[in-house]
Amino acid sequence: GVSALLDNAFSGCSQLKTFEIAGDGSLGNIGQSAFSNAGALQSVSIPASVTNIGSSAFWSCSSLRSVVFRQGEAPMIGGNAFDYVPADATFYNYEGATGYDVTAYPWNSFSLKTLMADGTVGISGAINASETWNAGVPYQILAPTRVRGSSTVLTINAGVEVRFADGASLAVENGAAVKALGERDNPVLFTSSAETKAAGDWGYVGGSSGRVDLRYCTVEYGGGNPDMGAVHGNGAYITLYGTTVQNAENGAIGGHGIYATNCVLRASGSGIGTGPWRLDVVNSVIDACGVAVEGSNRNVYNTIIADCESFGADGTFDHCLFDGECSYTTASYNRHNIAGDPKFLVDTFYRIAADSPAVDAGSGRYAPETDYFGSARMASTNVV
């Protein structure tokens, strides 16, 4: 069989659409510029026998959308081998393959998906072009993954399950966006991929530049990065609506630039984690956390804080209910707060009884028009 493709073998070829060698083959080397400027090339399947891909091998293949690496061990890739291919080109490998280090060049520049033995789709590296994840097949974040580019939007639709491996995270950068669009009865789930799940199994959803919108999501077992929340802002603008963040090792949410409304932050190291700049929580519940609120410039309005061990924040707390388990007197600015039992109804998702002291105790200045359950705020006795 063919053991090597010579330099420039198919360079400039305008008719070649697919390159694939059946089976594992004997091809060991793809030469320099072997497919460069092959403008019609759309898909490539690289045999398991290939150990080296030369520099500029697929340079400027302007129609290339799919590259499958069948190797168990990642091949050596020369400089510029896949430069100037479309941003939405997807690279695939197989579960168990080694050497695909998505923290280093060139793999950190690829949108790398792993075809898992259980039928799920593994994600790692970079997402460089807009894409949509739909319910049906779970997605696994295998390593720190970045959504990047000012026009790149990752849309995650209702019912999708996203599983994170140990230490994995999903972050926006360079102005990109993640939109997780769950529904109240069909949320998006961000969870651990571990068989036995535990707080801190994975890192965070968030980022340093761009936008993250989490609407009706459940985020659980994250917060494994030191001093970072399971949802963490470090320059990105992040909104949460109707979202539950729970079982986080550190903060449920943390950093800055986060606006959370009609949310539940529960059973975590802290409800709101550390951070030096502004973070807002409105019409929400913070429950069963070690520390209710940490950091500075925290603004908490119309929120029930219950069953937390301590309180260590500096910020504004307005029209909140504290159940007496922790003191809020250390806050730099607080007003219209009350103490008492919120009277959550048994077997409901944080609904409160009609005689709860939280009823009509909030401020309409901060409240959204509807509550978590979709009821009109003025006509409802539900605070979340």
Protein backbone atom coordinates (compact mmCIF):
# COMPACT_ATOMS: atom_id res chain seq x y z
CA GLY A 1 0.00 0.00 0.00
CA VAL A 2 0.86 3.67 -0.07
CA SER A 3 3.31 4.51 2.72
CA ALA A 4 3.62 8.26 2.13
CA LEU A 5 1.96 11.15 0.34
CA LEU A 6 4.63 13.31 -1.25
CA ASP A 7 4.94 17.02 -0.68
CA ASN A 8 2.35 18.94 -2.75
CA ALA A 9 0.71 15.66 -3.87
CA PHE A 10 -2.80 17.15 -4.16
CA SER A 11 -1.92 20.81 -3.76
CA GLY A 12 -4.35 23.05 -5.61
CA CYS A 13 -6.58 20.14 -6.66
CA SER A 14 -9.99 21.62 -7.42
CA GLN A 15 -11.93 18.35 -7.88
CA LEU A 16 -11.03 16.35 -4.76
CA LYS A 17 -13.89 16.44 -2.21
CA THR A 18 -13.07 13.55 0.16
CA PHE A 19 -9.87 11.85 1.25
CA GLU A 20 -10.14 8.47 2.98
CA ILE A 21 -8.14 5.24 2.97
CA ALA A 22 -10.17 2.19 3.95
CA GLY A 23 -9.05 0.33 7.05
CA ASP A 24 -6.00 1.27 9.07
CA GLY A 25 -3.80 1.32 5.97
CA SER A 26 -0.03 1.62 5.69
CA LEU A 27 0.17 5.37 5.11
CA GLY A 28 2.63 6.80 7.60
CA ASN A 29 3.37 10.32 6.40
CA ILE A 30 1.35 13.10 4.80
CA GLY A 31 3.86 15.43 3.20
CA GLN A 32 4.20 19.19 3.39
CA SER A 33 1.46 21.10 1.54
CA ALA A 34 0.04 17.75 0.39
CA PHE A 35 -3.52 19.17 0.18
CA SER A 36 -2.84 22.91 0.40
CA ASN A 37 -5.32 25.05 -1.51
CA ALA A 38 -7.47 22.03 -2.36
CA GLY A 39 -10.53 24.25 -2.40
CA ALA A 40 -13.17 21.54 -2.92
CA LEU A 41 -11.95 19.22 -0.14
CA GLN A 42 -14.75 18.81 2.43
CA SER A 43 -13.85 15.80 4.57
CA VAL A 44 -10.72 13.89 5.54
CA SER A 45 -10.37 10.59 7.39
CA ILE A 46 -6.78 10.10 8.49
CA PRO A 47 -5.79 6.43 8.88
CA ALA A 48 -4.54 5.07 12.18
CA SER A 49 -1.18 4.37 10.55
CA VAL A 50 -0.35 8.06 10.01
CA THR A 51 2.25 9.34 12.46
CA ASN A 52 3.19 12.64 10.82
CA ILE A 53 1.30 15.40 9.03
CA GLY A 54 3.64 17.86 7.35
CA SER A 55 3.57 21.63 7.63
CA SER A 56 0.85 23.38 5.61
CA ALA A 57 -0.54 19.96 4.68
CA PHE A 58 -4.16 21.24 4.62
CA TRP A 59 -3.37 24.94 4.46
CA SER A 60 -6.20 27.04 3.02
CA CYS A 61 -8.57 24.13 2.33
CA SER A 62 -11.49 26.54 2.23
CA SER A 63 -14.29 23.94 2.15
CA LEU A 64 -12.93 21.55 4.77
CA ARG A 65 -15.56 20.82 7.44
CA SER A 66 -14.69 17.41 8.91
CA VAL A 67 -11.36 15.81 9.87
CA VAL A 68 -11.40 12.39 11.58
CA PHE A 69 -8.27 11.11 13.32
CA ARG A 70 -8.48 7.33 13.54
CA GLN A 71 -5.21 7.06 15.47
CA GLY A 72 -4.96 5.77 19.00
CA GLU A 73 -1.98 8.11 19.40
CA ALA A 74 -2.11 11.66 18.08
CA PRO A 75 0.11 12.24 15.03
CA MET A 76 2.82 14.89 14.92
CA ILE A 77 1.47 17.95 13.14
CA GLY A 78 3.69 20.46 11.41
CA GLY A 79 3.27 24.21 11.57
CA ASN A 80 0.31 25.80 9.78
CA ALA A 81 -0.98 22.35 8.81
CA PHE A 82 -4.63 23.38 9.20
CA ASP A 83 -4.34 27.16 8.97
CA TYR A 84 -7.02 29.00 7.01
CA VAL A 85 -9.56 26.19 7.08
CA PRO A 86 -13.14 27.32 7.94
CA ALA A 87 -13.79 28.27 11.55
CA ASP A 88 -16.60 25.70 11.75
CA ALA A 89 -14.36 22.79 10.73
CA THR A 90 -14.73 20.00 13.29
CA PHE A 91 -11.98 17.57 14.25
CA TYR A 92 -12.87 14.14 15.62
CA ASN A 93 -10.98 11.47 17.50
CA TYR A 94 -12.06 8.33 19.37
CA GLU A 95 -12.41 7.63 23.05
CA GLY A 96 -9.19 6.29 24.52
CA ALA A 97 -6.92 8.08 22.05
CA THR A 98 -3.88 9.71 23.64
CA GLY A 99 -1.67 12.69 22.90
CA TYR A 100 -4.44 15.11 21.96
CA ASP A 101 -3.38 17.83 24.38
CA VAL A 102 -6.00 20.55 24.02
CA THR A 103 -4.00 22.88 26.26
CA ALA A 104 -1.17 23.11 23.70
CA TYR A 105 -0.73 23.97 20.03
CA PRO A 106 -2.10 22.84 17.63
CA TRP A 107 -4.90 20.99 19.40
CA ASN A 108 -5.93 24.04 21.45
CA SER A 109 -6.92 25.78 18.21
CA PHE A 110 -9.19 22.97 17.00
CA SER A 111 -12.84 22.29 17.70
CA LEU A 112 -12.17 18.72 18.85
CA LYS A 113 -15.00 16.27 19.40
CA THR A 114 -14.46 12.76 20.73
CA LEU A 115 -16.68 9.90 19.56
CA MET A 116 -17.35 8.06 22.81
CA ALA A 117 -18.02 4.34 23.09
CA ASP A 118 -21.31 4.99 24.88
CA GLY A 119 -22.64 7.10 22.01
CA THR A 120 -22.11 10.47 23.66
CA VAL A 121 -20.16 13.27 22.02
CA GLY A 122 -17.00 14.47 23.77
CA ILE A 123 -16.00 18.14 23.50
CA SER A 124 -12.61 19.70 24.16
CA GLY A 125 -10.30 22.42 22.88
CA ALA A 126 -11.91 25.39 21.15
CA ILE A 127 -15.33 26.08 19.65
CA ASN A 128 -14.53 28.59 16.93
CA ALA A 129 -17.87 28.88 15.11
CA SER A 130 -21.52 28.95 16.12
CA GLU A 131 -23.21 25.64 16.78
CA THR A 132 -26.33 24.28 18.46
CA TRP A 133 -26.62 21.34 20.84
CA ASN A 134 -29.99 19.59 20.91
CA ALA A 135 -31.47 17.05 23.30
CA GLY A 136 -31.03 13.36 22.59
CA VAL A 137 -27.31 12.58 22.80
CA PRO A 138 -25.53 13.84 25.94
CA TYR A 139 -22.44 15.98 25.50
CA GLN A 140 -19.29 15.48 27.56
CA ILE A 141 -16.82 18.29 28.21
CA LEU A 142 -13.59 16.32 28.44
CA ALA A 143 -11.15 19.16 29.17
CA PRO A 144 -11.18 22.96 29.54
CA THR A 145 -13.12 24.15 26.48
CA ARG A 146 -13.28 27.68 25.14
CA VAL A 147 -15.99 29.27 23.03
CA ARG A 148 -14.24 32.08 21.24
CA GLY A 149 -14.78 34.81 18.68
CA SER A 150 -17.09 37.81 18.72
CA SER A 151 -19.57 36.19 16.31
CA THR A 152 -19.48 32.70 17.87
CA VAL A 153 -22.60 31.57 19.73
CA LEU A 154 -22.99 28.16 21.36
CA THR A 155 -26.73 27.50 21.78
CA ILE A 156 -27.75 24.71 24.16
CA ASN A 157 -31.43 23.88 23.86
CA ALA A 158 -33.89 22.62 26.45
CA GLY A 159 -33.36 19.06 27.67
CA VAL A 160 -29.67 18.85 26.82
CA GLU A 161 -27.43 17.13 29.36
CA VAL A 162 -23.84 18.41 29.51
CA ARG A 163 -21.45 16.23 31.52
CA PHE A 164 -18.08 17.53 32.70
CA ALA A 165 -14.99 15.41 33.29
CA ASP A 166 -12.63 16.05 36.19
CA GLY A 167 -11.24 19.58 35.92
CA ALA A 168 -13.21 20.44 32.79
CA SER A 169 -14.88 23.81 32.23
CA LEU A 170 -16.76 25.77 29.57
CA ALA A 171 -15.66 29.37 29.11
CA VAL A 172 -16.33 32.22 26.70
CA GLU A 173 -13.57 34.49 25.47
CA ASN A 174 -13.00 37.15 22.83
CA GLY A 175 -16.64 38.24 22.89
CA ALA A 176 -18.26 34.83 22.28
CA ALA A 177 -21.57 33.74 23.80
CA VAL A 178 -23.11 30.66 25.42
CA LYS A 179 -26.92 30.55 25.52
CA ALA A 180 -28.40 27.69 27.54
CA LEU A 181 -32.13 27.94 26.86
CA GLY A 182 -33.87 25.51 29.17
CA GLU A 183 -37.53 25.45 30.07
CA ARG A 184 -39.01 25.27 33.57
CA ASP A 185 -40.14 21.67 33.06
CA ASN A 186 -37.27 20.77 30.73
CA PRO A 187 -34.07 22.40 31.99
CA VAL A 188 -30.56 22.22 30.61
CA LEU A 189 -28.44 20.10 32.98
CA PHE A 190 -24.76 20.81 33.64
CA THR A 191 -23.44 17.96 35.76
CA SER A 192 -20.52 15.68 36.56
CA SER A 193 -19.59 12.76 34.32
CA ALA A 194 -18.43 10.74 37.33
CA GLU A 195 -20.35 7.59 38.17
CA THR A 196 -20.44 8.67 41.80
CA LYS A 197 -20.92 12.42 41.73
CA ALA A 198 -19.45 14.80 44.30
CA ALA A 199 -19.08 18.53 44.83
CA GLY A 200 -16.12 19.91 42.92
CA ASP A 201 -15.97 17.15 40.29
CA TRP A 202 -15.53 19.80 37.58
CA GLY A 203 -14.70 23.47 37.19
CA TYR A 204 -17.12 26.13 36.00
CA VAL A 205 -19.27 27.71 33.32
CA GLY A 206 -18.34 31.35 32.71
CA GLY A 207 -15.50 33.26 31.19
CA SER A 208 -13.40 36.36 30.79
CA SER A 209 -14.93 38.10 27.78
CA GLY A 210 -18.32 37.65 26.19
CA ARG A 211 -21.74 36.64 27.47
CA VAL A 212 -23.28 33.62 29.19
CA ASP A 213 -27.07 33.30 29.52
CA LEU A 214 -28.36 30.45 31.68
CA ARG A 215 -32.14 30.25 31.57
CA TYR A 216 -33.87 27.46 33.48
CA CYS A 217 -30.75 25.38 34.00
CA THR A 218 -29.50 23.09 36.74
CA VAL A 219 -25.79 23.37 37.47
CA GLU A 220 -24.49 20.76 39.91
CA TYR A 221 -21.28 19.25 41.34
CA GLY A 222 -19.01 21.98 39.92
CA GLY A 223 -16.97 24.65 41.64
CA GLY A 224 -13.82 22.54 41.80
CA ASN A 225 -11.42 25.37 40.93
CA PRO A 226 -9.99 27.17 44.00
CA ASP A 227 -11.76 30.44 44.76
CA MET A 228 -14.10 30.05 41.79
CA GLY A 229 -17.82 29.41 41.61
CA ALA A 230 -19.53 26.74 39.55
CA VAL A 231 -20.80 29.71 37.54
CA HIS A 232 -17.94 32.19 37.49
CA GLY A 233 -17.52 35.63 36.00
CA ASN A 234 -14.12 37.14 35.33
CA GLY A 235 -14.98 39.79 32.78
CA ALA A 236 -17.86 38.13 30.91
CA TYR A 237 -21.44 39.33 31.45
CA ILE A 238 -23.44 36.46 32.92
CA THR A 239 -27.18 36.23 33.52
CA LEU A 240 -29.07 33.47 35.30
CA TYR A 241 -32.84 33.18 35.31
CA GLY A 242 -34.81 30.37 36.95
CA THR A 243 -31.57 28.48 37.43
CA THR A 244 -30.54 26.19 40.30
CA VAL A 245 -26.85 25.93 41.20
CA GLN A 246 -26.19 23.25 43.78
CA ASN A 247 -23.58 20.95 45.31
CA ALA A 248 -20.66 23.23 44.38
CA GLU A 249 -17.45 22.71 46.32
CA ASN A 250 -16.68 26.42 46.51
CA GLY A 251 -19.18 29.10 45.52
CA ALA A 252 -22.38 28.28 43.66
CA ILE A 253 -21.70 31.51 41.78
CA GLY A 254 -18.61 33.68 42.09
CA GLY A 255 -16.39 36.33 40.62
CA HIS A 256 -18.17 39.36 39.23
CA GLY A 257 -20.40 40.52 36.40
CA ILE A 258 -23.22 38.10 37.29
CA TYR A 259 -26.93 39.00 37.51
CA ALA A 260 -29.09 36.19 38.91
CA THR A 261 -32.85 36.44 39.32
CA ASN A 262 -35.47 33.86 40.35
CA CYS A 263 -32.63 31.46 41.15
CA VAL A 264 -31.77 28.92 43.84
CA LEU A 265 -28.21 28.69 45.17
CA ARG A 266 -28.01 25.75 47.51
CA ALA A 267 -25.99 23.05 49.26
CA SER A 268 -22.62 24.56 48.34
CA GLY A 269 -19.50 25.84 50.05
CA SER A 270 -21.02 29.28 49.67
CA GLY A 271 -24.07 30.63 47.90
CA ILE A 272 -22.14 33.56 46.50
CA GLY A 273 -18.38 32.97 46.38
CA THR A 274 -15.40 35.25 46.57
CA GLY A 275 -14.78 38.20 44.28
CA PRO A 276 -13.90 41.90 44.50
CA TRP A 277 -16.43 43.48 42.16
CA ARG A 278 -20.16 43.70 41.62
CA LEU A 279 -22.43 40.67 41.55
CA ASP A 280 -26.26 40.93 41.88
CA VAL A 281 -28.78 38.37 43.16
CA VAL A 282 -32.48 39.27 43.00
CA ASN A 283 -35.65 37.45 44.11
CA SER A 284 -33.78 34.25 44.83
CA VAL A 285 -33.06 31.71 47.57
CA ILE A 286 -29.68 30.94 49.16
CA ASP A 287 -30.09 27.76 51.18
CA ALA A 288 -28.01 25.21 53.09
CA CYS A 289 -24.61 26.68 52.25
CA GLY A 290 -21.55 26.83 54.47
CA VAL A 291 -21.21 30.57 53.95
CA ALA A 292 -24.21 32.45 52.64
CA VAL A 293 -22.35 35.25 50.84
CA GLU A 294 -18.64 35.99 50.44
CA GLY A 295 -16.66 38.74 48.74
CA SER A 296 -17.28 42.46 48.36
CA ASN A 297 -19.70 44.60 46.34
CA ARG A 298 -22.36 41.89 46.57
CA ASN A 299 -25.87 43.26 45.99
CA VAL A 300 -28.65 40.99 47.23
CA TYR A 301 -32.29 42.03 46.98
CA ASN A 302 -35.62 40.35 47.81
CA THR A 303 -33.83 37.11 48.67
CA ILE A 304 -34.35 34.43 51.33
CA ILE A 305 -31.16 33.31 53.07
CA ALA A 306 -31.81 30.12 55.02
CA ASP A 307 -29.93 27.38 56.85
CA CYS A 308 -26.46 28.80 56.17
CA GLU A 309 -23.70 28.50 58.74
CA SER A 310 -22.16 31.97 58.45
CA PHE A 311 -22.17 35.23 56.57
CA GLY A 312 -19.02 36.99 55.42
CA ALA A 313 -19.82 39.57 52.77
CA ASP A 314 -19.52 43.26 52.21
CA GLY A 315 -22.22 44.82 50.08
CA THR A 316 -25.87 45.82 49.90
CA PHE A 317 -28.65 43.65 51.32
CA ASP A 318 -32.12 45.05 50.82
CA HIS A 319 -35.53 43.49 51.59
CA CYS A 320 -34.02 40.10 52.40
CA LEU A 321 -35.26 37.49 54.86
CA PHE A 322 -32.72 35.78 57.12
CA ASP A 323 -33.82 32.71 59.04
CA GLY A 324 -31.59 33.59 61.99
CA GLU A 325 -28.93 30.94 61.37
CA CYS A 326 -26.38 33.57 60.30
CA SER A 327 -26.06 37.27 61.00
CA TYR A 328 -26.08 39.92 58.29
CA THR A 329 -25.08 42.78 60.59
CA THR A 330 -21.55 42.78 59.15
CA ALA A 331 -22.85 43.94 55.78
CA SER A 332 -21.73 47.44 54.93
CA TYR A 333 -25.22 48.49 53.86
CA ASN A 334 -28.46 46.79 54.77
CA ARG A 335 -32.03 47.94 55.08
CA HIS A 336 -35.56 46.59 55.27
CA ASN A 337 -34.26 43.11 56.10
CA ILE A 338 -36.26 40.82 58.34
CA ALA A 339 -35.62 37.66 60.33
CA GLY A 340 -37.83 34.61 60.61
CA ASP A 341 -38.77 31.20 59.28
CA PRO A 342 -39.51 31.47 55.54
CA LYS A 343 -41.97 28.56 55.87
CA PHE A 344 -41.11 26.61 52.75
CA LEU A 345 -43.88 24.19 51.87
CA VAL A 346 -42.98 20.52 52.09
CA ASP A 347 -42.53 18.67 48.77
CA THR A 348 -42.44 21.84 46.71
CA PHE A 349 -39.59 23.66 45.02
CA TYR A 350 -39.16 26.49 47.52
CA ARG A 351 -42.77 27.62 47.50
CA ILE A 352 -43.67 29.46 50.67
CA ALA A 353 -46.78 29.30 52.78
CA ALA A 354 -49.37 32.05 52.64
CA ASP A 355 -48.41 33.15 56.17
CA SER A 356 -44.68 33.29 55.48
CA PRO A 357 -43.09 36.55 56.66
CA ALA A 358 -41.59 36.81 53.17
CA VAL A 359 -45.01 37.41 51.58
CA ASP A 360 -45.24 41.04 50.41
CA ALA A 361 -41.98 41.81 52.21
CA GLY A 362 -39.94 42.45 49.08
CA SER A 363 -39.57 45.57 47.01
CA GLY A 364 -41.19 45.98 43.61
CA ARG A 365 -38.28 48.19 42.68
CA TYR A 366 -36.13 45.11 42.20
CA ALA A 367 -38.62 42.36 41.41
CA PRO A 368 -39.08 40.93 37.90
CA GLU A 369 -42.63 40.89 36.53
CA THR A 370 -43.04 37.13 37.04
CA ASP A 371 -41.72 34.62 39.54
CA TYR A 372 -39.90 31.33 38.91
CA PHE A 373 -43.20 29.57 38.25
CA GLY A 374 -44.34 32.15 35.69
CA SER A 375 -46.93 33.72 37.99
CA ALA A 376 -47.45 37.45 37.91
CA ARG A 377 -45.39 38.83 40.78
CA MET A 378 -48.05 41.13 42.23
CA ALA A 379 -50.64 38.33 42.38
CA SER A 380 -48.31 35.62 43.67
CA THR A 381 -47.16 34.43 47.07
CA ASN A 382 -44.14 32.69 45.57
CA VAL A 383 -40.84 34.45 46.06
CA VAL A 384 -38.69 32.37 43.73
